[in-house]
Amino acid sequence: MDIPQAIDALQNNTDHFLRTEQFKIKGSGTILVATSAPAIFKMEANSMGGFKANFVTQNDVDPGADEFKAWYVPMQQLKGFTANWLPTEKETTLRLMLTSQLTGCLFGTGSKGSRTCVAHIQPNQKSYSKGGFFGKELTGTELMAKRQKVMLKKAVKEDLTPFAALGVTYTELEYATVVGTMSDDGKWTFYQQKLNSMGNTIADLITS
């Protein structure tokens, strides 16, 4: 499969593409100030197999031959995060949503009426103690579990259902790639491709 074929498969045969091809997404990172809005991605062959999409820009320009447009959902810090409302079929011609690959974050979904909202949240990096004021500071897996618990609780409080979450849908030895597609009647479907971080193989595909 060449690059144009991979772009076409991702856009028009998403389920099959994610079941058969490893797919990694590199987002805007912390240097660029990205928003929940259309973005251009560059599709490349991944040296470990499959393909990867790299965030390029959110400027209003036409994509190149090896590029495509998708609705981009940037990662947010837990403190002060806000859910991003996805567009309806009347507001955009885009039918594809991407967010950067999850390695410890949470991707939550919610709805109100016919509208769908999502959020890609990074856990709080603060330290926690066990058992009271003089409790022992948590480290290792206990600290990671505490951070995940706090993040999950905050997401649920904001009426988001965890779709991809470390320790819930994917493990410490896996990465999660989340892709969304919108049907012509405005319904959003979400896919979570779990990649084995050790063997670079597809472990599973979860759909909403």
N, C-alpha and C. Protein backbone atom coordinates (compact mmCIF):
# COMPACT_ATOMS: atom_id res chain seq x y z
N MET A 1 0.84 -1.19 0.00
CA MET A 1 0.00 0.00 0.00
C MET A 1 0.88 1.25 0.00
N ASP A 2 0.69 2.15 -0.98
CA ASP A 2 1.48 3.37 -1.01
C ASP A 2 0.79 4.46 -0.19
N ILE A 3 1.38 5.65 -0.16
CA ILE A 3 0.86 6.73 0.69
C ILE A 3 -0.55 7.17 0.27
N PRO A 4 -0.80 7.47 -1.01
CA PRO A 4 -2.17 7.86 -1.40
C PRO A 4 -3.20 6.79 -1.05
N GLN A 5 -2.83 5.52 -1.22
CA GLN A 5 -3.75 4.43 -0.88
C GLN A 5 -4.00 4.37 0.62
N ALA A 6 -2.96 4.64 1.41
CA ALA A 6 -3.12 4.63 2.87
C ALA A 6 -4.04 5.75 3.32
N ILE A 7 -3.89 6.94 2.72
CA ILE A 7 -4.76 8.07 3.06
C ILE A 7 -6.21 7.73 2.72
N ASP A 8 -6.42 7.16 1.55
CA ASP A 8 -7.77 6.80 1.11
C ASP A 8 -8.37 5.75 2.04
N ALA A 9 -7.56 4.75 2.44
CA ALA A 9 -8.06 3.69 3.32
C ALA A 9 -8.41 4.25 4.69
N LEU A 10 -7.59 5.13 5.21
CA LEU A 10 -7.86 5.73 6.51
C LEU A 10 -9.17 6.51 6.48
N GLN A 11 -9.39 7.26 5.41
CA GLN A 11 -10.57 8.11 5.32
C GLN A 11 -11.84 7.34 4.98
N ASN A 12 -11.72 6.32 4.14
CA ASN A 12 -12.93 5.68 3.59
C ASN A 12 -13.15 4.24 4.01
N ASN A 13 -12.14 3.61 4.61
CA ASN A 13 -12.28 2.24 5.09
C ASN A 13 -11.55 2.13 6.42
N THR A 14 -11.93 3.01 7.34
CA THR A 14 -11.19 3.20 8.59
C THR A 14 -11.07 1.93 9.41
N ASP A 15 -12.16 1.21 9.60
CA ASP A 15 -12.15 0.00 10.42
C ASP A 15 -11.14 -1.01 9.89
N HIS A 16 -11.19 -1.29 8.60
CA HIS A 16 -10.26 -2.27 8.01
C HIS A 16 -8.82 -1.78 8.09
N PHE A 17 -8.61 -0.49 7.82
CA PHE A 17 -7.25 0.07 7.87
C PHE A 17 -6.65 -0.11 9.25
N LEU A 18 -7.42 0.20 10.29
CA LEU A 18 -6.89 0.13 11.65
C LEU A 18 -6.76 -1.31 12.16
N ARG A 19 -7.46 -2.24 11.54
CA ARG A 19 -7.31 -3.64 11.92
C ARG A 19 -6.09 -4.29 11.26
N THR A 20 -5.65 -3.71 10.17
CA THR A 20 -4.58 -4.35 9.40
C THR A 20 -3.27 -3.58 9.36
N GLU A 21 -3.31 -2.27 9.65
CA GLU A 21 -2.11 -1.45 9.55
C GLU A 21 -1.82 -0.76 10.88
N GLN A 22 -0.60 -0.89 11.37
CA GLN A 22 -0.21 -0.10 12.54
C GLN A 22 -0.31 1.38 12.16
N PHE A 23 -0.88 2.17 13.05
CA PHE A 23 -1.07 3.58 12.74
C PHE A 23 -0.70 4.42 13.96
N LYS A 24 0.26 5.30 13.77
CA LYS A 24 0.70 6.19 14.84
C LYS A 24 0.42 7.64 14.44
N ILE A 25 0.05 8.45 15.42
CA ILE A 25 -0.27 9.85 15.16
C ILE A 25 0.60 10.75 16.02
N LYS A 26 1.33 11.64 15.37
CA LYS A 26 2.13 12.62 16.09
C LYS A 26 1.40 13.95 16.06
N GLY A 27 1.10 14.50 17.24
CA GLY A 27 0.35 15.74 17.31
C GLY A 27 1.22 16.97 17.24
N SER A 28 0.65 18.09 17.66
CA SER A 28 1.35 19.37 17.56
C SER A 28 2.41 19.54 18.64
N GLY A 29 2.38 18.69 19.68
CA GLY A 29 3.35 18.83 20.76
C GLY A 29 3.06 20.05 21.61
N THR A 30 4.06 20.51 22.33
CA THR A 30 3.88 21.65 23.22
C THR A 30 4.42 22.95 22.64
N ILE A 31 5.07 22.87 21.48
CA ILE A 31 5.66 24.07 20.88
C ILE A 31 4.60 24.89 20.15
N LEU A 32 3.77 24.20 19.36
CA LEU A 32 2.73 24.88 18.61
C LEU A 32 1.47 25.00 19.45
N VAL A 33 0.79 26.13 19.36
CA VAL A 33 -0.47 26.33 20.06
C VAL A 33 -1.59 25.87 19.14
N ALA A 34 -2.03 24.63 19.34
CA ALA A 34 -3.06 24.06 18.48
C ALA A 34 -4.41 24.14 19.18
N THR A 35 -5.47 24.13 18.38
CA THR A 35 -6.82 24.16 18.91
C THR A 35 -7.62 23.00 18.32
N SER A 36 -8.80 22.78 18.86
CA SER A 36 -9.69 21.78 18.29
C SER A 36 -10.29 22.37 17.02
N ALA A 37 -9.71 21.99 15.90
CA ALA A 37 -10.06 22.60 14.62
C ALA A 37 -9.43 21.77 13.50
N PRO A 38 -9.74 22.06 12.24
CA PRO A 38 -9.10 21.34 11.14
C PRO A 38 -7.59 21.50 11.15
N ALA A 39 -6.90 20.45 10.73
CA ALA A 39 -5.44 20.48 10.64
C ALA A 39 -5.00 19.62 9.46
N ILE A 40 -3.80 19.91 8.99
CA ILE A 40 -3.22 19.11 7.92
C ILE A 40 -2.20 18.16 8.52
N PHE A 41 -2.27 16.90 8.08
CA PHE A 41 -1.34 15.86 8.51
C PHE A 41 -0.60 15.31 7.30
N LYS A 42 0.66 14.94 7.54
CA LYS A 42 1.45 14.30 6.49
C LYS A 42 1.52 12.81 6.78
N MET A 43 1.15 12.00 5.79
CA MET A 43 1.18 10.55 5.94
C MET A 43 2.54 10.03 5.49
N GLU A 44 3.14 9.19 6.32
CA GLU A 44 4.43 8.59 6.00
C GLU A 44 4.41 7.11 6.33
N ALA A 45 5.28 6.36 5.65
CA ALA A 45 5.47 4.96 6.01
C ALA A 45 6.24 4.91 7.32
N ASN A 46 5.85 4.03 8.20
CA ASN A 46 6.53 3.88 9.48
C ASN A 46 7.62 2.81 9.35
N SER A 47 8.81 3.12 9.80
CA SER A 47 9.94 2.19 9.66
C SER A 47 9.69 0.86 10.38
N MET A 48 8.82 0.88 11.40
CA MET A 48 8.52 -0.33 12.15
C MET A 48 7.30 -1.07 11.59
N GLY A 49 6.80 -0.59 10.46
CA GLY A 49 5.62 -1.20 9.85
C GLY A 49 4.42 -0.28 9.94
N GLY A 50 3.54 -0.39 8.96
CA GLY A 50 2.35 0.45 8.96
C GLY A 50 2.65 1.89 8.57
N PHE A 51 1.88 2.82 9.12
CA PHE A 51 1.98 4.22 8.72
C PHE A 51 1.91 5.14 9.94
N LYS A 52 2.32 6.39 9.72
CA LYS A 52 2.21 7.40 10.75
C LYS A 52 1.75 8.71 10.12
N ALA A 53 0.96 9.45 10.86
CA ALA A 53 0.48 10.76 10.43
C ALA A 53 1.08 11.83 11.33
N ASN A 54 1.74 12.79 10.73
CA ASN A 54 2.41 13.85 11.48
C ASN A 54 1.66 15.18 11.31
N PHE A 55 1.33 15.81 12.43
CA PHE A 55 0.69 17.13 12.40
C PHE A 55 1.61 18.11 11.66
N VAL A 56 1.04 18.88 10.73
CA VAL A 56 1.82 19.85 9.95
C VAL A 56 1.44 21.28 10.33
N THR A 57 0.17 21.63 10.18
CA THR A 57 -0.26 23.01 10.41
C THR A 57 -1.77 23.08 10.55
N GLN A 58 -2.23 24.17 11.13
CA GLN A 58 -3.66 24.48 11.13
C GLN A 58 -3.94 25.72 10.30
N ASN A 59 -2.95 26.13 9.51
CA ASN A 59 -3.18 27.23 8.58
C ASN A 59 -4.12 26.78 7.47
N ASP A 60 -4.87 27.71 6.93
CA ASP A 60 -5.85 27.38 5.89
C ASP A 60 -5.16 27.28 4.53
N VAL A 61 -4.51 26.14 4.30
CA VAL A 61 -3.83 25.88 3.04
C VAL A 61 -4.28 24.52 2.52
N ASP A 62 -4.05 24.29 1.24
CA ASP A 62 -4.42 23.01 0.65
C ASP A 62 -3.37 21.95 0.99
N PRO A 63 -3.79 20.74 1.31
CA PRO A 63 -2.83 19.68 1.61
C PRO A 63 -2.08 19.23 0.36
N GLY A 64 -0.83 18.79 0.54
CA GLY A 64 -0.03 18.27 -0.56
C GLY A 64 -0.44 16.86 -0.93
N ALA A 65 0.30 16.26 -1.87
CA ALA A 65 -0.04 14.94 -2.37
C ALA A 65 0.04 13.86 -1.30
N ASP A 66 0.94 14.03 -0.33
CA ASP A 66 1.09 13.06 0.74
C ASP A 66 0.47 13.55 2.05
N GLU A 67 -0.45 14.53 1.95
CA GLU A 67 -1.08 15.13 3.12
C GLU A 67 -2.60 15.02 3.03
N PHE A 68 -3.25 15.21 4.17
CA PHE A 68 -4.71 15.17 4.21
C PHE A 68 -5.19 16.04 5.38
N LYS A 69 -6.48 16.40 5.34
CA LYS A 69 -7.07 17.19 6.41
C LYS A 69 -7.90 16.32 7.33
N ALA A 70 -7.86 16.65 8.61
CA ALA A 70 -8.69 15.97 9.60
C ALA A 70 -8.98 16.95 10.73
N TRP A 71 -10.04 16.69 11.48
CA TRP A 71 -10.32 17.51 12.66
C TRP A 71 -9.35 17.08 13.75
N TYR A 72 -8.63 18.03 14.33
CA TYR A 72 -7.59 17.71 15.31
C TYR A 72 -8.05 18.05 16.72
N VAL A 73 -7.84 17.13 17.64
CA VAL A 73 -8.14 17.35 19.07
C VAL A 73 -6.81 17.34 19.82
N PRO A 74 -6.33 18.48 20.30
CA PRO A 74 -5.04 18.54 20.99
C PRO A 74 -5.12 17.99 22.41
N MET A 75 -3.98 17.54 22.92
CA MET A 75 -3.89 17.10 24.30
C MET A 75 -3.95 18.31 25.22
N GLN A 76 -4.62 18.14 26.38
CA GLN A 76 -4.70 19.20 27.38
C GLN A 76 -4.19 18.68 28.73
N GLN A 77 -3.70 19.59 29.54
CA GLN A 77 -3.35 19.24 30.90
C GLN A 77 -4.63 19.04 31.71
N LEU A 78 -4.56 18.19 32.72
CA LEU A 78 -5.74 17.90 33.53
C LEU A 78 -6.32 19.16 34.16
N LYS A 79 -5.47 19.99 34.75
CA LYS A 79 -5.95 21.19 35.41
C LYS A 79 -6.48 22.19 34.38
N GLY A 80 -7.74 22.48 34.49
CA GLY A 80 -8.35 23.49 33.62
C GLY A 80 -8.73 23.01 32.24
N PHE A 81 -8.76 21.69 32.01
CA PHE A 81 -9.10 21.21 30.68
C PHE A 81 -10.57 21.49 30.37
N THR A 82 -10.88 21.60 29.09
CA THR A 82 -12.26 21.79 28.64
C THR A 82 -12.56 20.78 27.55
N ALA A 83 -13.76 20.26 27.54
CA ALA A 83 -14.16 19.33 26.49
C ALA A 83 -14.29 20.08 25.16
N ASN A 84 -13.94 19.41 24.09
CA ASN A 84 -14.00 20.01 22.75
C ASN A 84 -15.24 19.49 22.01
N TRP A 85 -16.10 20.40 21.59
CA TRP A 85 -17.28 19.99 20.82
C TRP A 85 -16.87 19.71 19.38
N LEU A 86 -17.19 18.52 18.91
CA LEU A 86 -16.88 18.17 17.53
C LEU A 86 -17.94 18.78 16.60
N PRO A 87 -17.56 19.04 15.37
CA PRO A 87 -18.51 19.66 14.44
C PRO A 87 -19.60 18.68 14.01
N THR A 88 -20.69 19.23 13.52
CA THR A 88 -21.76 18.41 12.95
C THR A 88 -21.54 18.30 11.44
N GLU A 89 -22.34 17.47 10.81
CA GLU A 89 -22.23 17.28 9.36
C GLU A 89 -22.58 18.54 8.59
N LYS A 90 -23.29 19.47 9.24
CA LYS A 90 -23.67 20.72 8.58
C LYS A 90 -22.59 21.79 8.72
N GLU A 91 -21.65 21.56 9.64
CA GLU A 91 -20.63 22.56 9.93
C GLU A 91 -19.31 22.30 9.23
N THR A 92 -19.09 21.10 8.74
CA THR A 92 -17.83 20.78 8.09
C THR A 92 -18.01 19.64 7.10
N THR A 93 -17.14 19.61 6.11
CA THR A 93 -17.13 18.48 5.17
C THR A 93 -16.19 17.38 5.64
N LEU A 94 -15.40 17.67 6.68
CA LEU A 94 -14.46 16.68 7.20
C LEU A 94 -15.24 15.55 7.88
N ARG A 95 -14.75 14.35 7.70
CA ARG A 95 -15.39 13.18 8.31
C ARG A 95 -14.40 12.40 9.16
N LEU A 96 -13.22 12.96 9.42
CA LEU A 96 -12.17 12.26 10.13
C LEU A 96 -11.64 13.11 11.28
N MET A 97 -11.44 12.51 12.44
CA MET A 97 -10.87 13.19 13.60
C MET A 97 -9.63 12.43 14.08
N LEU A 98 -8.56 13.17 14.40
CA LEU A 98 -7.34 12.56 14.92
C LEU A 98 -6.89 13.27 16.20
N THR A 99 -6.20 12.55 17.05
CA THR A 99 -5.54 13.12 18.21
C THR A 99 -4.21 12.39 18.36
N SER A 100 -3.27 12.99 19.05
CA SER A 100 -1.95 12.36 19.18
C SER A 100 -2.05 11.06 19.96
N GLN A 101 -1.08 10.18 19.70
CA GLN A 101 -1.08 8.85 20.32
C GLN A 101 -1.05 8.94 21.84
N LEU A 102 -1.78 8.06 22.50
CA LEU A 102 -1.87 8.05 23.95
C LEU A 102 -0.88 7.05 24.54
N THR A 103 -0.06 7.52 25.49
CA THR A 103 0.87 6.64 26.18
C THR A 103 0.62 6.62 27.69
N GLY A 104 -0.30 7.41 28.16
CA GLY A 104 -0.63 7.45 29.58
C GLY A 104 -1.81 8.37 29.82
N CYS A 105 -2.32 8.91 28.72
CA CYS A 105 -3.41 9.88 28.78
C CYS A 105 -4.77 9.20 28.74
N LEU A 106 -5.79 10.02 28.81
CA LEU A 106 -7.18 9.56 28.72
C LEU A 106 -7.87 10.29 27.58
N PHE A 107 -8.66 9.55 26.82
CA PHE A 107 -9.51 10.15 25.80
C PHE A 107 -10.94 9.85 26.19
N GLY A 108 -11.70 10.92 26.46
CA GLY A 108 -13.08 10.75 26.89
C GLY A 108 -14.06 11.31 25.88
N THR A 109 -15.27 10.76 25.88
CA THR A 109 -16.31 11.22 24.97
C THR A 109 -17.58 11.54 25.76
N GLY A 110 -18.37 12.44 25.22
CA GLY A 110 -19.64 12.80 25.84
C GLY A 110 -20.59 13.32 24.78
N SER A 111 -21.80 13.62 25.18
CA SER A 111 -22.78 14.12 24.22
C SER A 111 -23.84 14.95 24.92
N LYS A 112 -24.47 15.80 24.15
CA LYS A 112 -25.60 16.58 24.61
C LYS A 112 -26.50 16.79 23.41
N GLY A 113 -27.67 16.17 23.46
CA GLY A 113 -28.53 16.20 22.29
C GLY A 113 -27.85 15.47 21.13
N SER A 114 -27.73 16.14 20.02
CA SER A 114 -27.08 15.55 18.85
C SER A 114 -25.60 15.91 18.75
N ARG A 115 -25.09 16.67 19.72
CA ARG A 115 -23.69 17.10 19.69
C ARG A 115 -22.80 16.12 20.44
N THR A 116 -21.56 15.98 19.96
CA THR A 116 -20.58 15.10 20.58
C THR A 116 -19.38 15.91 21.05
N CYS A 117 -18.92 15.65 22.26
CA CYS A 117 -17.73 16.33 22.76
C CYS A 117 -16.68 15.29 23.15
N VAL A 118 -15.42 15.70 23.10
CA VAL A 118 -14.31 14.80 23.42
C VAL A 118 -13.23 15.60 24.15
N ALA A 119 -12.32 14.89 24.79
CA ALA A 119 -11.17 15.53 25.42
C ALA A 119 -10.03 14.53 25.50
N HIS A 120 -8.82 15.00 25.18
CA HIS A 120 -7.59 14.22 25.33
C HIS A 120 -6.84 14.85 26.50
N ILE A 121 -6.76 14.11 27.61
CA ILE A 121 -6.28 14.68 28.86
C ILE A 121 -5.01 13.98 29.34
N GLN A 122 -4.02 14.79 29.73
CA GLN A 122 -2.80 14.25 30.32
C GLN A 122 -2.95 14.26 31.84
N PRO A 123 -2.56 13.18 32.52
CA PRO A 123 -2.70 13.15 33.98
C PRO A 123 -1.84 14.20 34.66
N ASN A 124 -2.30 14.63 35.82
CA ASN A 124 -1.56 15.57 36.64
C ASN A 124 -0.24 14.94 37.06
N GLN A 125 0.86 15.68 36.96
CA GLN A 125 2.17 15.15 37.29
C GLN A 125 2.55 15.38 38.75
N LYS A 126 1.63 15.87 39.57
CA LYS A 126 1.93 16.13 40.98
C LYS A 126 2.16 14.83 41.74
N SER A 127 2.81 14.92 42.87
CA SER A 127 3.06 13.76 43.72
C SER A 127 1.91 13.59 44.71
N TYR A 128 1.75 12.38 45.19
CA TYR A 128 0.71 12.08 46.16
C TYR A 128 1.30 11.28 47.31
N SER A 129 0.67 11.42 48.47
CA SER A 129 1.10 10.67 49.66
C SER A 129 0.05 9.65 50.04
N LYS A 130 0.48 8.62 50.73
CA LYS A 130 -0.42 7.57 51.19
C LYS A 130 -0.75 7.78 52.66
N GLY A 131 -2.02 7.92 52.97
CA GLY A 131 -2.45 7.88 54.36
C GLY A 131 -2.13 9.09 55.21
N GLY A 132 -2.81 10.20 54.98
CA GLY A 132 -2.72 11.32 55.90
C GLY A 132 -1.56 12.27 55.66
N PHE A 133 -1.44 13.24 56.57
CA PHE A 133 -0.47 14.34 56.42
C PHE A 133 0.97 13.83 56.41
N PHE A 134 1.26 12.82 57.23
CA PHE A 134 2.62 12.31 57.30
C PHE A 134 2.77 11.01 56.50
N GLY A 135 1.87 10.80 55.56
CA GLY A 135 1.90 9.57 54.77
C GLY A 135 3.12 9.49 53.86
N LYS A 136 3.46 8.27 53.49
CA LYS A 136 4.59 8.02 52.61
C LYS A 136 4.27 8.47 51.19
N GLU A 137 5.21 9.13 50.55
CA GLU A 137 5.00 9.59 49.18
C GLU A 137 4.94 8.40 48.24
N LEU A 138 3.94 8.39 47.38
CA LEU A 138 3.78 7.28 46.44
C LEU A 138 4.81 7.36 45.33
N THR A 139 5.25 6.20 44.87
CA THR A 139 6.19 6.11 43.76
C THR A 139 5.78 4.95 42.85
N GLY A 140 6.40 4.88 41.69
CA GLY A 140 6.21 3.75 40.80
C GLY A 140 4.78 3.52 40.38
N THR A 141 4.35 2.25 40.42
CA THR A 141 3.02 1.89 39.95
C THR A 141 1.92 2.48 40.83
N GLU A 142 2.18 2.64 42.12
CA GLU A 142 1.18 3.24 43.02
C GLU A 142 0.91 4.69 42.64
N LEU A 143 1.99 5.42 42.33
CA LEU A 143 1.84 6.81 41.94
C LEU A 143 1.10 6.91 40.61
N MET A 144 1.46 6.05 39.66
CA MET A 144 0.80 6.06 38.36
C MET A 144 -0.70 5.76 38.52
N ALA A 145 -1.01 4.78 39.36
CA ALA A 145 -2.41 4.41 39.59
C ALA A 145 -3.19 5.56 40.22
N LYS A 146 -2.56 6.27 41.16
CA LYS A 146 -3.21 7.40 41.81
C LYS A 146 -3.50 8.51 40.80
N ARG A 147 -2.52 8.81 39.96
CA ARG A 147 -2.71 9.85 38.95
C ARG A 147 -3.85 9.49 38.00
N GLN A 148 -3.90 8.21 37.61
CA GLN A 148 -4.96 7.76 36.72
C GLN A 148 -6.32 7.86 37.40
N LYS A 149 -6.38 7.50 38.68
CA LYS A 149 -7.63 7.55 39.43
C LYS A 149 -8.16 8.97 39.51
N VAL A 150 -7.26 9.92 39.80
CA VAL A 150 -7.66 11.33 39.89
C VAL A 150 -8.17 11.82 38.54
N MET A 151 -7.48 11.45 37.46
CA MET A 151 -7.86 11.88 36.12
C MET A 151 -9.22 11.29 35.72
N LEU A 152 -9.41 10.00 35.99
CA LEU A 152 -10.68 9.35 35.67
C LEU A 152 -11.84 10.00 36.41
N LYS A 153 -11.62 10.30 37.68
CA LYS A 153 -12.66 10.92 38.50
C LYS A 153 -13.03 12.29 37.94
N LYS A 154 -12.03 13.07 37.54
CA LYS A 154 -12.28 14.40 36.99
C LYS A 154 -13.03 14.31 35.66
N ALA A 155 -12.65 13.35 34.81
CA ALA A 155 -13.31 13.18 33.52
C ALA A 155 -14.78 12.84 33.70
N VAL A 156 -15.06 11.90 34.60
CA VAL A 156 -16.44 11.49 34.85
C VAL A 156 -17.24 12.66 35.42
N LYS A 157 -16.62 13.46 36.28
CA LYS A 157 -17.29 14.63 36.86
C LYS A 157 -17.70 15.62 35.77
N GLU A 158 -16.91 15.66 34.69
CA GLU A 158 -17.21 16.56 33.57
C GLU A 158 -18.10 15.87 32.52
N ASP A 159 -18.74 14.77 32.92
CA ASP A 159 -19.68 14.03 32.06
C ASP A 159 -19.02 13.42 30.83
N LEU A 160 -17.76 13.01 30.98
CA LEU A 160 -17.05 12.32 29.90
C LEU A 160 -16.92 10.84 30.25
N THR A 161 -17.18 9.99 29.28
CA THR A 161 -17.00 8.56 29.45
C THR A 161 -15.63 8.18 28.92
N PRO A 162 -14.77 7.56 29.74
CA PRO A 162 -13.44 7.17 29.26
C PRO A 162 -13.55 6.17 28.11
N PHE A 163 -13.02 6.55 26.95
CA PHE A 163 -12.99 5.64 25.80
C PHE A 163 -11.64 4.95 25.71
N ALA A 164 -10.57 5.67 26.02
CA ALA A 164 -9.22 5.10 26.06
C ALA A 164 -8.56 5.60 27.34
N ALA A 165 -8.12 4.69 28.18
CA ALA A 165 -7.51 5.08 29.45
C ALA A 165 -6.53 4.02 29.90
N LEU A 166 -5.36 4.46 30.35
CA LEU A 166 -4.34 3.55 30.84
C LEU A 166 -4.86 2.78 32.05
N GLY A 167 -4.68 1.46 32.01
CA GLY A 167 -5.15 0.63 33.10
C GLY A 167 -6.60 0.23 32.99
N VAL A 168 -7.30 0.81 32.00
CA VAL A 168 -8.71 0.47 31.78
C VAL A 168 -8.89 -0.21 30.41
N THR A 169 -8.40 0.45 29.36
CA THR A 169 -8.52 -0.13 28.01
C THR A 169 -7.17 -0.49 27.40
N TYR A 170 -6.09 0.10 27.90
CA TYR A 170 -4.77 -0.28 27.43
C TYR A 170 -3.79 -0.31 28.60
N THR A 171 -2.70 -1.05 28.44
CA THR A 171 -1.77 -1.29 29.54
C THR A 171 -0.52 -0.44 29.39
N GLU A 172 0.37 -0.57 30.37
CA GLU A 172 1.64 0.15 30.35
C GLU A 172 2.52 -0.30 29.20
N LEU A 173 2.27 -1.48 28.66
CA LEU A 173 3.07 -2.01 27.56
C LEU A 173 2.41 -1.77 26.20
N GLU A 174 1.40 -0.90 26.19
CA GLU A 174 0.70 -0.61 24.95
C GLU A 174 0.57 0.90 24.72
N TYR A 175 0.44 1.27 23.46
CA TYR A 175 0.08 2.63 23.07
C TYR A 175 -1.34 2.57 22.52
N ALA A 176 -2.05 3.68 22.58
CA ALA A 176 -3.41 3.73 22.04
C ALA A 176 -3.49 4.82 20.98
N THR A 177 -3.97 4.44 19.80
CA THR A 177 -4.22 5.40 18.73
C THR A 177 -5.73 5.58 18.62
N VAL A 178 -6.20 6.81 18.74
CA VAL A 178 -7.64 7.09 18.69
C VAL A 178 -7.98 7.87 17.42
N VAL A 179 -8.94 7.35 16.69
CA VAL A 179 -9.41 7.96 15.45
C VAL A 179 -10.94 8.05 15.53
N GLY A 180 -11.49 9.13 15.02
CA GLY A 180 -12.94 9.28 14.96
C GLY A 180 -13.40 9.48 13.53
N THR A 181 -14.57 8.96 13.21
CA THR A 181 -15.17 9.20 11.90
C THR A 181 -16.60 9.65 12.08
N MET A 182 -17.06 10.53 11.20
CA MET A 182 -18.43 11.03 11.26
C MET A 182 -19.19 10.58 10.02
N SER A 183 -20.36 10.00 10.23
CA SER A 183 -21.20 9.59 9.11
C SER A 183 -21.90 10.82 8.51
N ASP A 184 -22.51 10.62 7.37
CA ASP A 184 -23.17 11.75 6.70
C ASP A 184 -24.39 12.27 7.46
N ASP A 185 -24.88 11.49 8.43
CA ASP A 185 -26.00 11.97 9.24
C ASP A 185 -25.52 12.54 10.58
N GLY A 186 -24.18 12.72 10.73
CA GLY A 186 -23.64 13.41 11.89
C GLY A 186 -23.25 12.53 13.07
N LYS A 187 -23.35 11.22 12.94
CA LYS A 187 -22.99 10.33 14.05
C LYS A 187 -21.48 10.07 14.06
N TRP A 188 -20.85 10.29 15.23
CA TRP A 188 -19.42 10.04 15.38
C TRP A 188 -19.18 8.63 15.91
N THR A 189 -18.24 7.93 15.29
CA THR A 189 -17.78 6.61 15.74
C THR A 189 -16.30 6.74 16.08
N PHE A 190 -15.89 6.12 17.19
CA PHE A 190 -14.49 6.22 17.62
C PHE A 190 -13.83 4.84 17.61
N TYR A 191 -12.56 4.85 17.22
CA TYR A 191 -11.75 3.63 17.14
C TYR A 191 -10.53 3.80 18.04
N GLN A 192 -10.21 2.74 18.76
CA GLN A 192 -8.99 2.73 19.56
C GLN A 192 -8.14 1.54 19.13
N GLN A 193 -7.04 1.83 18.45
CA GLN A 193 -6.10 0.78 18.04
C GLN A 193 -5.03 0.66 19.13
N LYS A 194 -4.94 -0.53 19.71
CA LYS A 194 -3.94 -0.75 20.75
C LYS A 194 -2.70 -1.38 20.11
N LEU A 195 -1.55 -0.73 20.31
CA LEU A 195 -0.30 -1.20 19.74
C LEU A 195 0.61 -1.72 20.84
N ASN A 196 1.14 -2.90 20.66
CA ASN A 196 2.11 -3.46 21.59
C ASN A 196 3.41 -2.68 21.47
N SER A 197 3.82 -2.00 22.54
CA SER A 197 5.00 -1.14 22.47
C SER A 197 6.30 -1.93 22.35
N MET A 198 6.29 -3.18 22.71
CA MET A 198 7.51 -3.99 22.63
C MET A 198 7.69 -4.60 21.25
N GLY A 199 6.58 -5.14 20.71
CA GLY A 199 6.69 -5.82 19.43
C GLY A 199 6.17 -5.05 18.25
N ASN A 200 5.65 -3.84 18.50
CA ASN A 200 5.07 -3.02 17.42
C ASN A 200 4.08 -3.80 16.59
N THR A 201 3.14 -4.46 17.28
CA THR A 201 2.07 -5.19 16.62
C THR A 201 0.73 -4.70 17.13
N ILE A 202 -0.32 -4.92 16.35
CA ILE A 202 -1.65 -4.52 16.75
C ILE A 202 -2.19 -5.52 17.76
N ALA A 203 -2.52 -5.04 18.96
CA ALA A 203 -3.03 -5.93 20.00
C ALA A 203 -4.54 -6.07 19.93
N ASP A 204 -5.22 -4.99 19.53
CA ASP A 204 -6.68 -5.04 19.50
C ASP A 204 -7.21 -3.77 18.86
N LEU A 205 -8.48 -3.80 18.46
CA LEU A 205 -9.15 -2.59 17.97
C LEU A 205 -10.51 -2.51 18.68
N ILE A 206 -10.73 -1.41 19.38
CA ILE A 206 -11.98 -1.18 20.11
C ILE A 206 -12.76 -0.09 19.40
N THR A 207 -14.04 -0.29 19.23
CA THR A 207 -14.88 0.72 18.58
C THR A 207 -16.01 1.13 19.52
N SER A 208 -16.48 2.36 19.35
CA SER A 208 -17.58 2.85 20.20
C SER A 208 -18.92 2.46 19.62
